[in-house]
Protein backbone atom coordinates (compact mmCIF):
# COMPACT_ATOMS: atom_id res chain seq x y z
CA MET A 1 -10.74 12.29 1.14
CA ASN A 2 -12.10 8.89 1.52
CA ILE A 3 -10.76 6.16 3.84
CA GLY A 4 -8.77 4.65 0.74
CA THR A 5 -7.30 7.71 -0.49
CA SER A 6 -6.33 8.46 3.35
CA LEU A 7 -4.53 5.36 3.18
CA LYS A 8 -2.85 5.17 0.53
CA LYS A 9 -0.91 8.48 1.20
CA VAL A 10 0.19 6.77 4.94
CA ILE A 11 1.36 4.06 3.38
CA THR A 12 3.12 6.00 0.53
CA GLU A 13 4.50 8.55 2.82
CA LEU A 14 5.85 6.03 5.64
CA PHE A 15 6.43 3.31 3.53
CA GLU A 16 10.81 3.71 3.65
CA PRO A 17 10.91 5.03 7.03
CA PHE A 18 9.17 1.50 7.84
CA MET A 19 11.49 -0.59 5.72
CA LEU A 20 14.61 1.27 7.29
CA PHE A 21 12.94 0.40 11.01
CA VAL A 22 11.51 -3.56 9.57
CA ALA A 23 14.35 -4.14 7.23
CA PRO A 24 17.43 -2.52 7.61
CA ASP A 25 19.42 -4.69 5.31
CA LEU A 26 16.67 -4.87 3.13
CA TYR A 27 16.70 -0.95 3.06
CA GLU A 28 20.46 -0.57 2.08
CA LYS A 29 19.92 -2.45 -1.37
CA LEU A 30 16.75 -0.85 -2.25
CA GLU A 31 16.77 2.00 -4.94
CA TRP A 32 15.01 5.03 -2.95
CA SER A 33 16.14 7.67 -5.76
CA LYS A 34 13.13 6.07 -8.35
CA LYS A 35 9.52 6.12 -7.67
CA PRO A 36 7.17 3.61 -7.23
CA ASP A 37 4.41 2.63 -10.14
CA SER A 38 1.44 2.49 -8.88
CA LEU A 39 0.04 -0.91 -8.91
CA GLU A 40 -3.89 -0.22 -8.13
CA GLN A 41 -5.47 -0.88 -11.30
CA GLU A 42 -3.67 -4.47 -11.86
CA PHE A 43 -4.79 -5.07 -8.04
CA GLN A 44 -8.58 -4.26 -8.33
CA ARG A 45 -8.20 -6.85 -11.13
CA ILE A 46 -6.85 -9.64 -8.73
CA PHE A 47 -9.01 -8.49 -6.22
CA PRO A 48 -12.66 -7.16 -7.41
CA VAL A 49 -14.80 -5.48 -4.71
CA LYS A 50 -18.09 -7.40 -4.43
CA LYS A 51 -21.05 -5.29 -4.71
CA GLY A 52 -23.74 -5.99 -2.09
CA THR A 53 -21.13 -7.91 0.03
CA LYS A 54 -22.25 -7.01 3.53
CA TYR A 55 -20.08 -8.50 6.88
CA LYS A 56 -21.45 -9.29 9.89
CA ARG A 57 -19.32 -8.41 13.02
CA ARG A 58 -18.91 -11.01 15.78
């Protein structure tokens, strides 16, 4: 399991309690019985990963 998979799992599992904590009024208006659609492919088209890009630590 890589970091991306682990992060996606944590976000998926904790999103509902997070919304209840941060925005209880919005939480009540959301339809929690429907499973959300994954937009991972769309996200990667908007923000493609550049190969060979290195970042320096400051």
